[in-house]
Amino acid sequence: MQDERSYLEALRLFNEKALKLRQSSFVHALVAAPPSLKLRGEKQKDGSLSLSAEARGPSQESIDAFVITFRFFVQDNEVTSLRNMARLYKSASLPQELRDRFESARAAVNELLNGPNLVNISHNGETPTNRKVLNVFVYGGLAHANPEAYKTYKEWISFPPSAVFFQTCFTSIMAYVLEAIDFIAKLNEETIVHLSSGQSAPPPEGLAA
């Protein structure tokens, strides 16, 4: 019973934080104008080319506020992190169908995060993954919790055009992950009903109950 109560608390907290994300100014800005880039090149009098880039999408203030809650889903010291939720879905007495749907959502997030960054930008000969972009911005740019991530963040934003590319990539990554969070929140509602009803998953075929 204690485990079941802790599972329910974690599921409800996950959904509470997911709702807070959906109601944020960041999401309202995404709906109004999805993240995009505008590049401009201007030829100088000496024949050189001057490049500038402009990011369109949520404001920095709305991004900062969004990340405070978003971190509940990516930090493993939070019961609501996707990794800890995966442990919950494996440990709780649930039908395989609910577990499979959760794993499909988590697999989609991991596939995105492990792939090349969404805007295909490189730095010092490396094309960072979406996971690295996410970690560098969250723990180096916004939280300053990781000295190495902070150093990388400062390098990325030292050149204005690349700063805009990386910022747009970071915003887009969070928007994609938010879709998975929404999916899982809806799944959690079914899981909460299942656990609250006191039902248990049926035994595997061929085994005695």
N, C-alpha and C. Protein backbone atom coordinates (compact mmCIF):
# COMPACT_ATOMS: atom_id res chain seq x y z
N MET A 1 0.82 -1.21 0.00
CA MET A 1 0.00 0.00 0.00
C MET A 1 0.85 1.26 0.00
N GLN A 2 1.98 1.22 0.75
CA GLN A 2 2.85 2.38 0.80
C GLN A 2 3.40 2.70 -0.58
N ASP A 3 3.83 1.66 -1.31
CA ASP A 3 4.34 1.87 -2.66
C ASP A 3 3.26 2.47 -3.55
N GLU A 4 2.04 1.94 -3.43
CA GLU A 4 0.96 2.44 -4.27
C GLU A 4 0.69 3.91 -4.00
N ARG A 5 0.72 4.31 -2.73
CA ARG A 5 0.50 5.71 -2.40
C ARG A 5 1.61 6.59 -2.97
N SER A 6 2.86 6.12 -2.88
CA SER A 6 3.97 6.91 -3.42
C SER A 6 3.89 7.00 -4.94
N TYR A 7 3.45 5.93 -5.59
CA TYR A 7 3.26 5.96 -7.04
C TYR A 7 2.22 7.02 -7.41
N LEU A 8 1.10 6.99 -6.71
CA LEU A 8 0.02 7.94 -7.00
C LEU A 8 0.47 9.38 -6.77
N GLU A 9 1.23 9.60 -5.71
CA GLU A 9 1.73 10.94 -5.43
C GLU A 9 2.65 11.43 -6.55
N ALA A 10 3.52 10.54 -7.03
CA ALA A 10 4.45 10.91 -8.11
C ALA A 10 3.69 11.20 -9.40
N LEU A 11 2.72 10.38 -9.72
CA LEU A 11 1.93 10.58 -10.94
C LEU A 11 1.17 11.90 -10.89
N ARG A 12 0.58 12.19 -9.73
CA ARG A 12 -0.18 13.44 -9.59
C ARG A 12 0.73 14.66 -9.63
N LEU A 13 1.92 14.54 -9.03
CA LEU A 13 2.86 15.65 -9.07
C LEU A 13 3.34 15.89 -10.50
N PHE A 14 3.61 14.82 -11.22
CA PHE A 14 4.00 14.93 -12.63
C PHE A 14 2.93 15.73 -13.39
N ASN A 15 1.69 15.36 -13.22
CA ASN A 15 0.61 16.01 -13.95
C ASN A 15 0.41 17.45 -13.51
N GLU A 16 0.64 17.71 -12.23
CA GLU A 16 0.54 19.09 -11.73
C GLU A 16 1.60 19.98 -12.41
N LYS A 17 2.82 19.47 -12.50
CA LYS A 17 3.89 20.24 -13.14
C LYS A 17 3.66 20.35 -14.66
N ALA A 18 3.13 19.29 -15.26
CA ALA A 18 2.84 19.33 -16.70
C ALA A 18 1.79 20.39 -17.01
N LEU A 19 0.78 20.48 -16.15
CA LEU A 19 -0.25 21.50 -16.33
C LEU A 19 0.34 22.90 -16.21
N LYS A 20 1.25 23.07 -15.27
CA LYS A 20 1.91 24.37 -15.10
C LYS A 20 2.67 24.76 -16.36
N LEU A 21 3.32 23.78 -16.99
CA LEU A 21 4.03 24.06 -18.25
C LEU A 21 3.06 24.48 -19.34
N ARG A 22 1.96 23.74 -19.45
CA ARG A 22 0.99 24.04 -20.52
C ARG A 22 0.37 25.42 -20.37
N GLN A 23 0.27 25.90 -19.14
CA GLN A 23 -0.34 27.19 -18.89
C GLN A 23 0.67 28.35 -18.88
N SER A 24 1.92 28.05 -19.18
CA SER A 24 2.98 29.05 -19.11
C SER A 24 2.94 30.02 -20.28
N SER A 25 3.56 31.18 -20.07
CA SER A 25 3.66 32.17 -21.15
C SER A 25 4.54 31.64 -22.28
N PHE A 26 5.47 30.75 -21.97
CA PHE A 26 6.31 30.13 -22.99
C PHE A 26 5.45 29.39 -24.01
N VAL A 27 4.51 28.60 -23.53
CA VAL A 27 3.64 27.83 -24.43
C VAL A 27 2.72 28.76 -25.21
N HIS A 28 2.20 29.78 -24.56
CA HIS A 28 1.35 30.74 -25.28
C HIS A 28 2.13 31.40 -26.42
N ALA A 29 3.41 31.70 -26.16
CA ALA A 29 4.25 32.31 -27.20
C ALA A 29 4.53 31.32 -28.33
N LEU A 30 4.72 30.03 -27.98
CA LEU A 30 4.95 29.01 -29.01
C LEU A 30 3.75 28.88 -29.93
N VAL A 31 2.56 28.92 -29.35
CA VAL A 31 1.35 28.81 -30.16
C VAL A 31 1.22 30.00 -31.10
N ALA A 32 1.58 31.18 -30.61
CA ALA A 32 1.47 32.39 -31.42
C ALA A 32 2.53 32.44 -32.51
N ALA A 33 3.74 31.98 -32.19
CA ALA A 33 4.85 32.05 -33.16
C ALA A 33 5.88 30.98 -32.83
N PRO A 34 5.86 29.85 -33.54
CA PRO A 34 6.85 28.79 -33.30
C PRO A 34 8.28 29.33 -33.49
N PRO A 35 9.27 28.73 -32.81
CA PRO A 35 10.66 29.20 -32.93
C PRO A 35 11.12 29.22 -34.39
N SER A 36 11.78 30.29 -34.77
CA SER A 36 12.29 30.39 -36.14
C SER A 36 13.52 31.30 -36.14
N LEU A 37 14.25 31.25 -37.25
CA LEU A 37 15.45 32.05 -37.41
C LEU A 37 15.33 32.94 -38.64
N LYS A 38 15.87 34.13 -38.52
CA LYS A 38 15.95 35.02 -39.67
C LYS A 38 17.40 35.44 -39.83
N LEU A 39 17.99 35.06 -40.97
CA LEU A 39 19.39 35.38 -41.25
C LEU A 39 19.47 36.54 -42.23
N ARG A 40 20.49 37.38 -42.03
CA ARG A 40 20.67 38.52 -42.92
C ARG A 40 22.15 38.68 -43.21
N GLY A 41 22.50 38.83 -44.47
CA GLY A 41 23.87 39.08 -44.86
C GLY A 41 24.00 40.43 -45.54
N GLU A 42 25.01 41.20 -45.15
CA GLU A 42 25.19 42.53 -45.71
C GLU A 42 26.64 42.72 -46.13
N LYS A 43 26.82 43.08 -47.38
CA LYS A 43 28.17 43.28 -47.90
C LYS A 43 28.72 44.61 -47.40
N GLN A 44 29.93 44.58 -46.86
CA GLN A 44 30.56 45.78 -46.33
C GLN A 44 31.36 46.51 -47.41
N LYS A 45 31.76 47.74 -47.12
CA LYS A 45 32.50 48.55 -48.09
C LYS A 45 33.84 47.92 -48.46
N ASP A 46 34.42 47.17 -47.52
CA ASP A 46 35.71 46.54 -47.82
C ASP A 46 35.55 45.20 -48.55
N GLY A 47 34.31 44.86 -48.91
CA GLY A 47 34.05 43.63 -49.65
C GLY A 47 33.73 42.44 -48.77
N SER A 48 33.88 42.58 -47.47
CA SER A 48 33.57 41.47 -46.56
C SER A 48 32.05 41.36 -46.37
N LEU A 49 31.65 40.25 -45.81
CA LEU A 49 30.23 39.99 -45.59
C LEU A 49 29.93 40.00 -44.10
N SER A 50 28.98 40.78 -43.69
CA SER A 50 28.55 40.84 -42.30
C SER A 50 27.28 40.03 -42.14
N LEU A 51 27.29 39.09 -41.20
CA LEU A 51 26.14 38.24 -40.97
C LEU A 51 25.46 38.58 -39.65
N SER A 52 24.15 38.54 -39.66
CA SER A 52 23.39 38.73 -38.43
C SER A 52 22.25 37.73 -38.41
N ALA A 53 21.82 37.37 -37.21
CA ALA A 53 20.74 36.41 -37.06
C ALA A 53 19.77 36.89 -35.99
N GLU A 54 18.52 36.63 -36.23
CA GLU A 54 17.48 37.04 -35.28
C GLU A 54 16.59 35.84 -34.96
N ALA A 55 16.41 35.58 -33.67
CA ALA A 55 15.54 34.49 -33.24
C ALA A 55 14.14 35.01 -32.99
N ARG A 56 13.18 34.22 -33.39
CA ARG A 56 11.79 34.58 -33.14
C ARG A 56 11.14 33.47 -32.33
N GLY A 57 10.36 33.84 -31.35
CA GLY A 57 9.73 32.85 -30.48
C GLY A 57 9.56 33.41 -29.09
N PRO A 58 9.49 32.56 -28.08
CA PRO A 58 9.29 33.00 -26.70
C PRO A 58 10.40 33.94 -26.23
N SER A 59 10.04 34.86 -25.34
CA SER A 59 11.02 35.78 -24.77
C SER A 59 11.94 35.05 -23.79
N GLN A 60 13.08 35.68 -23.51
CA GLN A 60 14.01 35.07 -22.56
C GLN A 60 13.38 34.93 -21.18
N GLU A 61 12.57 35.90 -20.80
CA GLU A 61 11.90 35.85 -19.50
C GLU A 61 10.97 34.64 -19.40
N SER A 62 10.22 34.38 -20.48
CA SER A 62 9.30 33.24 -20.46
C SER A 62 10.06 31.91 -20.50
N ILE A 63 11.20 31.89 -21.19
CA ILE A 63 12.04 30.68 -21.23
C ILE A 63 12.59 30.39 -19.84
N ASP A 64 13.11 31.42 -19.18
CA ASP A 64 13.68 31.24 -17.84
C ASP A 64 12.63 30.68 -16.88
N ALA A 65 11.42 31.23 -16.93
CA ALA A 65 10.34 30.77 -16.04
C ALA A 65 9.94 29.33 -16.37
N PHE A 66 9.90 29.00 -17.66
CA PHE A 66 9.52 27.67 -18.11
C PHE A 66 10.51 26.63 -17.61
N VAL A 67 11.80 26.94 -17.69
CA VAL A 67 12.84 25.98 -17.32
C VAL A 67 12.78 25.62 -15.84
N ILE A 68 12.35 26.55 -14.99
CA ILE A 68 12.25 26.26 -13.55
C ILE A 68 11.37 25.03 -13.33
N THR A 69 10.26 24.95 -14.06
CA THR A 69 9.37 23.79 -13.94
C THR A 69 9.82 22.64 -14.83
N PHE A 70 10.33 22.94 -16.00
CA PHE A 70 10.79 21.91 -16.95
C PHE A 70 11.82 21.00 -16.32
N ARG A 71 12.64 21.54 -15.42
CA ARG A 71 13.70 20.76 -14.79
C ARG A 71 13.15 19.59 -13.96
N PHE A 72 11.90 19.68 -13.54
CA PHE A 72 11.29 18.57 -12.80
C PHE A 72 11.24 17.29 -13.64
N PHE A 73 11.31 17.43 -14.95
CA PHE A 73 11.18 16.27 -15.83
C PHE A 73 12.52 15.74 -16.34
N VAL A 74 13.60 16.46 -16.07
CA VAL A 74 14.91 16.03 -16.59
C VAL A 74 15.95 15.82 -15.50
N GLN A 75 15.67 16.24 -14.27
CA GLN A 75 16.63 16.05 -13.18
C GLN A 75 16.26 14.81 -12.38
N ASP A 76 17.22 13.91 -12.21
CA ASP A 76 16.92 12.62 -11.58
C ASP A 76 16.78 12.70 -10.07
N ASN A 77 17.01 13.87 -9.47
CA ASN A 77 16.71 14.01 -8.05
C ASN A 77 15.24 14.37 -7.83
N GLU A 78 14.48 14.43 -8.90
CA GLU A 78 13.04 14.68 -8.83
C GLU A 78 12.30 13.39 -9.17
N VAL A 79 11.28 13.05 -8.39
CA VAL A 79 10.52 11.82 -8.65
C VAL A 79 9.79 11.88 -9.99
N THR A 80 9.62 13.10 -10.51
CA THR A 80 8.88 13.28 -11.76
C THR A 80 9.77 13.23 -13.00
N SER A 81 11.08 13.00 -12.83
CA SER A 81 11.93 12.91 -14.02
C SER A 81 11.49 11.73 -14.88
N LEU A 82 11.73 11.82 -16.17
CA LEU A 82 11.31 10.75 -17.07
C LEU A 82 11.97 9.43 -16.69
N ARG A 83 13.22 9.47 -16.24
CA ARG A 83 13.90 8.23 -15.84
C ARG A 83 13.24 7.62 -14.61
N ASN A 84 12.90 8.45 -13.63
CA ASN A 84 12.25 7.93 -12.43
C ASN A 84 10.82 7.48 -12.71
N MET A 85 10.15 8.14 -13.64
CA MET A 85 8.82 7.69 -14.02
C MET A 85 8.90 6.34 -14.72
N ALA A 86 9.98 6.12 -15.46
CA ALA A 86 10.16 4.81 -16.11
C ALA A 86 10.29 3.72 -15.06
N ARG A 87 11.00 4.01 -13.98
CA ARG A 87 11.12 3.03 -12.89
C ARG A 87 9.76 2.77 -12.26
N LEU A 88 8.97 3.83 -12.10
CA LEU A 88 7.63 3.68 -11.54
C LEU A 88 6.78 2.75 -12.40
N TYR A 89 6.79 3.02 -13.72
CA TYR A 89 5.96 2.20 -14.61
C TYR A 89 6.43 0.76 -14.65
N LYS A 90 7.70 0.51 -14.41
CA LYS A 90 8.19 -0.87 -14.37
C LYS A 90 7.85 -1.55 -13.06
N SER A 91 7.84 -0.78 -11.96
CA SER A 91 7.65 -1.36 -10.63
C SER A 91 6.18 -1.53 -10.26
N ALA A 92 5.34 -0.60 -10.70
CA ALA A 92 3.92 -0.65 -10.31
C ALA A 92 3.22 -1.82 -10.97
N SER A 93 2.17 -2.26 -10.35
CA SER A 93 1.37 -3.36 -10.90
C SER A 93 0.44 -2.79 -11.95
N LEU A 94 0.90 -2.84 -13.20
CA LEU A 94 0.16 -2.21 -14.29
C LEU A 94 0.05 -3.15 -15.48
N PRO A 95 -0.98 -2.99 -16.29
CA PRO A 95 -1.07 -3.76 -17.53
C PRO A 95 0.09 -3.41 -18.45
N GLN A 96 0.55 -4.36 -19.21
CA GLN A 96 1.67 -4.14 -20.12
C GLN A 96 1.39 -3.03 -21.11
N GLU A 97 0.13 -2.88 -21.48
CA GLU A 97 -0.25 -1.86 -22.47
C GLU A 97 0.08 -0.46 -21.97
N LEU A 98 -0.13 -0.19 -20.68
CA LEU A 98 0.21 1.12 -20.13
C LEU A 98 1.72 1.31 -20.10
N ARG A 99 2.43 0.26 -19.73
CA ARG A 99 3.89 0.34 -19.70
C ARG A 99 4.46 0.58 -21.11
N ASP A 100 3.91 -0.10 -22.07
CA ASP A 100 4.40 0.04 -23.45
C ASP A 100 4.18 1.46 -23.98
N ARG A 101 3.04 2.03 -23.65
CA ARG A 101 2.76 3.39 -24.12
C ARG A 101 3.70 4.40 -23.47
N PHE A 102 4.00 4.20 -22.19
CA PHE A 102 4.97 5.08 -21.55
C PHE A 102 6.34 4.94 -22.21
N GLU A 103 6.78 3.70 -22.41
CA GLU A 103 8.10 3.47 -22.99
C GLU A 103 8.20 4.02 -24.41
N SER A 104 7.11 4.00 -25.15
CA SER A 104 7.14 4.55 -26.51
C SER A 104 7.39 6.05 -26.46
N ALA A 105 6.78 6.73 -25.49
CA ALA A 105 6.98 8.18 -25.36
C ALA A 105 8.41 8.48 -24.91
N ARG A 106 8.90 7.73 -23.93
CA ARG A 106 10.26 7.96 -23.44
C ARG A 106 11.29 7.65 -24.53
N ALA A 107 11.05 6.60 -25.30
CA ALA A 107 11.97 6.25 -26.39
C ALA A 107 12.03 7.35 -27.43
N ALA A 108 10.88 7.97 -27.71
CA ALA A 108 10.84 9.06 -28.69
C ALA A 108 11.66 10.25 -28.19
N VAL A 109 11.57 10.54 -26.88
CA VAL A 109 12.36 11.64 -26.31
C VAL A 109 13.84 11.33 -26.40
N ASN A 110 14.23 10.11 -26.04
CA ASN A 110 15.64 9.74 -26.09
C ASN A 110 16.19 9.74 -27.51
N GLU A 111 15.37 9.32 -28.45
CA GLU A 111 15.80 9.35 -29.85
C GLU A 111 16.08 10.78 -30.30
N LEU A 112 15.20 11.68 -29.91
CA LEU A 112 15.39 13.10 -30.24
C LEU A 112 16.65 13.63 -29.58
N LEU A 113 16.79 13.39 -28.28
CA LEU A 113 17.91 13.96 -27.54
C LEU A 113 19.25 13.40 -27.97
N ASN A 114 19.29 12.15 -28.38
CA ASN A 114 20.55 11.53 -28.79
C ASN A 114 20.94 11.85 -30.23
N GLY A 115 20.04 12.47 -30.97
CA GLY A 115 20.30 12.80 -32.37
C GLY A 115 21.02 14.14 -32.52
N PRO A 116 21.54 14.43 -33.72
CA PRO A 116 22.18 15.72 -33.98
C PRO A 116 21.22 16.87 -33.69
N ASN A 117 21.76 17.99 -33.26
CA ASN A 117 20.90 19.11 -32.87
C ASN A 117 19.99 19.54 -34.02
N LEU A 118 18.85 20.08 -33.64
CA LEU A 118 17.76 20.34 -34.58
C LEU A 118 18.09 21.36 -35.65
N VAL A 119 19.05 22.25 -35.38
CA VAL A 119 19.39 23.27 -36.39
C VAL A 119 20.70 22.94 -37.10
N ASN A 120 21.27 21.76 -36.77
CA ASN A 120 22.47 21.26 -37.45
C ASN A 120 23.63 22.24 -37.37
N ILE A 121 23.82 22.84 -36.22
CA ILE A 121 24.94 23.77 -36.04
C ILE A 121 26.11 23.04 -35.39
N SER A 122 27.32 23.41 -35.80
CA SER A 122 28.54 22.81 -35.26
C SER A 122 29.35 23.87 -34.52
N HIS A 123 30.20 23.39 -33.62
CA HIS A 123 31.08 24.29 -32.87
C HIS A 123 32.40 23.58 -32.65
N ASN A 124 33.49 24.21 -33.07
CA ASN A 124 34.84 23.62 -32.94
C ASN A 124 34.90 22.22 -33.53
N GLY A 125 34.26 22.04 -34.68
CA GLY A 125 34.31 20.76 -35.38
C GLY A 125 33.37 19.71 -34.83
N GLU A 126 32.56 20.05 -33.85
CA GLU A 126 31.63 19.08 -33.26
C GLU A 126 30.20 19.53 -33.52
N THR A 127 29.35 18.55 -33.86
CA THR A 127 27.92 18.82 -33.97
C THR A 127 27.26 18.26 -32.71
N PRO A 128 26.98 19.11 -31.72
CA PRO A 128 26.44 18.59 -30.46
C PRO A 128 25.06 17.98 -30.63
N THR A 129 24.78 16.98 -29.81
CA THR A 129 23.46 16.36 -29.82
C THR A 129 22.45 17.31 -29.16
N ASN A 130 21.19 17.02 -29.38
CA ASN A 130 20.15 17.80 -28.71
C ASN A 130 20.27 17.67 -27.19
N ARG A 131 20.68 16.51 -26.71
CA ARG A 131 20.86 16.31 -25.26
C ARG A 131 21.92 17.26 -24.72
N LYS A 132 23.03 17.39 -25.46
CA LYS A 132 24.09 18.28 -25.00
C LYS A 132 23.60 19.73 -25.01
N VAL A 133 22.89 20.13 -26.05
CA VAL A 133 22.36 21.50 -26.10
C VAL A 133 21.46 21.75 -24.90
N LEU A 134 20.58 20.79 -24.62
CA LEU A 134 19.66 20.93 -23.49
C LEU A 134 20.44 21.06 -22.18
N ASN A 135 21.41 20.19 -21.96
CA ASN A 135 22.17 20.20 -20.71
C ASN A 135 23.00 21.48 -20.56
N VAL A 136 23.60 21.92 -21.65
CA VAL A 136 24.43 23.12 -21.59
C VAL A 136 23.59 24.34 -21.25
N PHE A 137 22.42 24.46 -21.85
CA PHE A 137 21.58 25.62 -21.57
C PHE A 137 20.97 25.56 -20.16
N VAL A 138 20.49 24.37 -19.76
CA VAL A 138 19.84 24.26 -18.46
C VAL A 138 20.86 24.39 -17.33
N TYR A 139 21.99 23.68 -17.42
CA TYR A 139 22.93 23.63 -16.31
C TYR A 139 24.12 24.57 -16.47
N GLY A 140 24.29 25.13 -17.65
CA GLY A 140 25.38 26.08 -17.86
C GLY A 140 24.88 27.50 -18.08
N GLY A 141 23.80 27.62 -18.86
CA GLY A 141 23.31 28.95 -19.19
C GLY A 141 22.32 29.52 -18.21
N LEU A 142 21.42 28.69 -17.70
CA LEU A 142 20.34 29.19 -16.86
C LEU A 142 20.59 28.94 -15.38
N ALA A 143 21.18 27.80 -15.04
CA ALA A 143 21.39 27.48 -13.63
C ALA A 143 22.83 27.71 -13.17
N HIS A 144 23.79 27.67 -14.11
CA HIS A 144 25.21 27.80 -13.78
C HIS A 144 25.64 26.76 -12.75
N ALA A 145 25.00 25.60 -12.80
CA ALA A 145 25.28 24.56 -11.80
C ALA A 145 26.48 23.71 -12.16
N ASN A 146 26.87 23.72 -13.43
CA ASN A 146 27.94 22.86 -13.89
C ASN A 146 29.02 23.73 -14.55
N PRO A 147 30.22 23.81 -13.97
CA PRO A 147 31.27 24.69 -14.51
C PRO A 147 31.61 24.38 -15.96
N GLU A 148 31.69 23.10 -16.33
CA GLU A 148 32.02 22.73 -17.70
C GLU A 148 30.91 23.15 -18.66
N ALA A 149 29.65 22.93 -18.24
CA ALA A 149 28.52 23.35 -19.08
C ALA A 149 28.49 24.87 -19.22
N TYR A 150 28.83 25.58 -18.14
CA TYR A 150 28.85 27.04 -18.19
C TYR A 150 29.91 27.53 -19.16
N LYS A 151 31.08 26.89 -19.13
CA LYS A 151 32.17 27.26 -20.05
C LYS A 151 31.74 27.06 -21.50
N THR A 152 31.10 25.91 -21.78
CA THR A 152 30.63 25.63 -23.13
C THR A 152 29.57 26.63 -23.56
N TYR A 153 28.66 26.93 -22.65
CA TYR A 153 27.60 27.91 -22.93
C TYR A 153 28.19 29.26 -23.33
N LYS A 154 29.18 29.71 -22.58
CA LYS A 154 29.80 31.01 -22.88
C LYS A 154 30.47 30.99 -24.25
N GLU A 155 31.07 29.85 -24.62
CA GLU A 155 31.69 29.74 -25.93
C GLU A 155 30.63 29.81 -27.03
N TRP A 156 29.52 29.11 -26.82
CA TRP A 156 28.47 29.06 -27.83
C TRP A 156 27.86 30.43 -28.10
N ILE A 157 27.70 31.23 -27.04
CA ILE A 157 27.01 32.51 -27.22
C ILE A 157 27.97 33.67 -27.47
N SER A 158 29.27 33.39 -27.57
CA SER A 158 30.25 34.46 -27.77
C SER A 158 30.15 35.07 -29.15
N PHE A 159 29.62 34.31 -30.13
CA PHE A 159 29.45 34.80 -31.49
C PHE A 159 27.96 34.95 -31.75
N PRO A 160 27.46 36.17 -31.92
CA PRO A 160 26.00 36.40 -31.99
C PRO A 160 25.22 35.49 -32.92
N PRO A 161 25.65 35.28 -34.18
CA PRO A 161 24.85 34.39 -35.04
C PRO A 161 24.72 32.97 -34.48
N SER A 162 25.82 32.40 -33.96
CA SER A 162 25.73 31.04 -33.41
C SER A 162 24.90 31.04 -32.13
N ALA A 163 24.95 32.12 -31.36
CA ALA A 163 24.14 32.22 -30.15
C ALA A 163 22.66 32.10 -30.49
N VAL A 164 22.25 32.75 -31.57
CA VAL A 164 20.84 32.71 -31.99
C VAL A 164 20.47 31.30 -32.43
N PHE A 165 21.37 30.64 -33.17
CA PHE A 165 21.11 29.27 -33.61
C PHE A 165 20.92 28.34 -32.41
N PHE A 166 21.85 28.41 -31.46
CA PHE A 166 21.76 27.53 -30.29
C PHE A 166 20.53 27.84 -29.45
N GLN A 167 20.20 29.13 -29.31
CA GLN A 167 19.02 29.49 -28.52
C GLN A 167 17.75 28.94 -29.17
N THR A 168 17.66 29.06 -30.49
CA THR A 168 16.49 28.53 -31.20
C THR A 168 16.41 27.02 -31.07
N CYS A 169 17.57 26.36 -31.13
CA CYS A 169 17.62 24.91 -30.97
C CYS A 169 17.12 24.51 -29.59
N PHE A 170 17.60 25.19 -28.56
CA PHE A 170 17.19 24.89 -27.19
C PHE A 170 15.69 25.06 -27.00
N THR A 171 15.16 26.15 -27.51
CA THR A 171 13.72 26.40 -27.41
C THR A 171 12.92 25.31 -28.11
N SER A 172 13.38 24.90 -29.28
CA SER A 172 12.69 23.88 -30.05
C SER A 172 12.73 22.52 -29.35
N ILE A 173 13.88 22.20 -28.74
CA ILE A 173 14.00 20.93 -28.01
C ILE A 173 12.97 20.88 -26.88
N MET A 174 12.86 21.96 -26.12
CA MET A 174 11.90 21.96 -25.02
C MET A 174 10.47 21.83 -25.53
N ALA A 175 10.20 22.43 -26.68
CA ALA A 175 8.86 22.31 -27.25
C ALA A 175 8.55 20.87 -27.64
N TYR A 176 9.52 20.17 -28.22
CA TYR A 176 9.33 18.77 -28.60
C TYR A 176 9.15 17.88 -27.37
N VAL A 177 9.98 18.09 -26.36
CA VAL A 177 9.88 17.28 -25.15
C VAL A 177 8.54 17.53 -24.45
N LEU A 178 8.07 18.76 -24.53
CA LEU A 178 6.78 19.09 -23.93
C LEU A 178 5.65 18.26 -24.53
N GLU A 179 5.72 17.96 -25.82
CA GLU A 179 4.70 17.12 -26.44
C GLU A 179 4.67 15.74 -25.77
N ALA A 180 5.86 15.19 -25.48
CA ALA A 180 5.93 13.89 -24.81
C ALA A 180 5.41 13.99 -23.39
N ILE A 181 5.72 15.08 -22.72
CA ILE A 181 5.23 15.29 -21.35
C ILE A 181 3.71 15.33 -21.34
N ASP A 182 3.13 16.01 -22.31
CA ASP A 182 1.66 16.06 -22.43
C ASP A 182 1.08 14.66 -22.63
N PHE A 183 1.71 13.89 -23.51
CA PHE A 183 1.26 12.52 -23.77
C PHE A 183 1.30 11.69 -22.49
N ILE A 184 2.41 11.79 -21.75
CA ILE A 184 2.57 11.01 -20.53
C ILE A 184 1.57 11.46 -19.47
N ALA A 185 1.30 12.76 -19.40
CA ALA A 185 0.32 13.26 -18.42
C ALA A 185 -1.06 12.64 -18.65
N LYS A 186 -1.45 12.53 -19.92
CA LYS A 186 -2.73 11.89 -20.23
C LYS A 186 -2.70 10.40 -19.87
N LEU A 187 -1.57 9.77 -20.14
CA LEU A 187 -1.41 8.36 -19.77
C LEU A 187 -1.46 8.19 -18.25
N ASN A 188 -0.86 9.13 -17.55
CA ASN A 188 -0.87 9.07 -16.09
C ASN A 188 -2.30 9.09 -15.53
N GLU A 189 -3.19 9.82 -16.18
CA GLU A 189 -4.58 9.86 -15.71
C GLU A 189 -5.18 8.45 -15.73
N GLU A 190 -4.92 7.71 -16.79
CA GLU A 190 -5.39 6.32 -16.87
C GLU A 190 -4.72 5.47 -15.80
N THR A 191 -3.43 5.69 -15.60
CA THR A 191 -2.68 4.91 -14.62
C THR A 191 -3.17 5.20 -13.20
N ILE A 192 -3.49 6.45 -12.92
CA ILE A 192 -4.01 6.83 -11.60
C ILE A 192 -5.34 6.12 -11.34
N VAL A 193 -6.21 6.11 -12.34
CA VAL A 193 -7.50 5.42 -12.19
C VAL A 193 -7.26 3.94 -11.92
N HIS A 194 -6.33 3.34 -12.66
CA HIS A 194 -6.04 1.92 -12.50
C HIS A 194 -5.53 1.60 -11.10
N LEU A 195 -4.56 2.38 -10.64
CA LEU A 195 -3.99 2.13 -9.32
C LEU A 195 -4.99 2.43 -8.20
N SER A 196 -5.79 3.46 -8.40
CA SER A 196 -6.77 3.84 -7.38
C SER A 196 -7.87 2.81 -7.23
N SER A 197 -8.13 2.06 -8.31
CA SER A 197 -9.20 1.06 -8.27
C SER A 197 -8.78 -0.20 -7.55
N GLY A 198 -7.46 -0.31 -7.29
CA GLY A 198 -6.98 -1.50 -6.59
C GLY A 198 -6.82 -2.70 -7.51
N GLN A 199 -6.90 -2.46 -8.85
CA GLN A 199 -6.72 -3.57 -9.77
C GLN A 199 -5.25 -3.93 -9.85
N SER A 200 -5.00 -5.10 -10.30
CA SER A 200 -3.61 -5.53 -10.52
C SER A 200 -3.50 -6.08 -11.91
N ALA A 201 -2.28 -6.04 -12.41
CA ALA A 201 -2.06 -6.55 -13.75
C ALA A 201 -2.28 -8.04 -13.80
N PRO A 202 -2.85 -8.58 -14.89
CA PRO A 202 -3.07 -10.02 -14.99
C PRO A 202 -1.74 -10.76 -15.05
N PRO A 203 -1.66 -12.01 -14.55
CA PRO A 203 -0.40 -12.75 -14.59
C PRO A 203 -0.05 -13.09 -16.02
N PRO A 204 1.25 -13.25 -16.33
CA PRO A 204 1.66 -13.64 -17.67
C PRO A 204 1.01 -14.94 -18.09
N GLU A 205 0.77 -15.09 -19.38
CA GLU A 205 0.13 -16.30 -19.89
C GLU A 205 0.98 -17.53 -19.54
N GLY A 206 0.31 -18.61 -19.14
CA GLY A 206 1.00 -19.86 -18.85
C GLY A 206 1.44 -19.98 -17.40
N LEU A 207 1.24 -18.89 -16.60
CA LEU A 207 1.65 -18.95 -15.20
C LEU A 207 0.38 -18.93 -14.32
N ALA A 208 0.48 -19.57 -13.20
CA ALA A 208 -0.67 -19.59 -12.28
C ALA A 208 -0.81 -18.23 -11.62
N ALA A 209 -2.04 -17.86 -11.30
CA ALA A 209 -2.27 -16.57 -10.63
C ALA A 209 -1.75 -16.63 -9.20
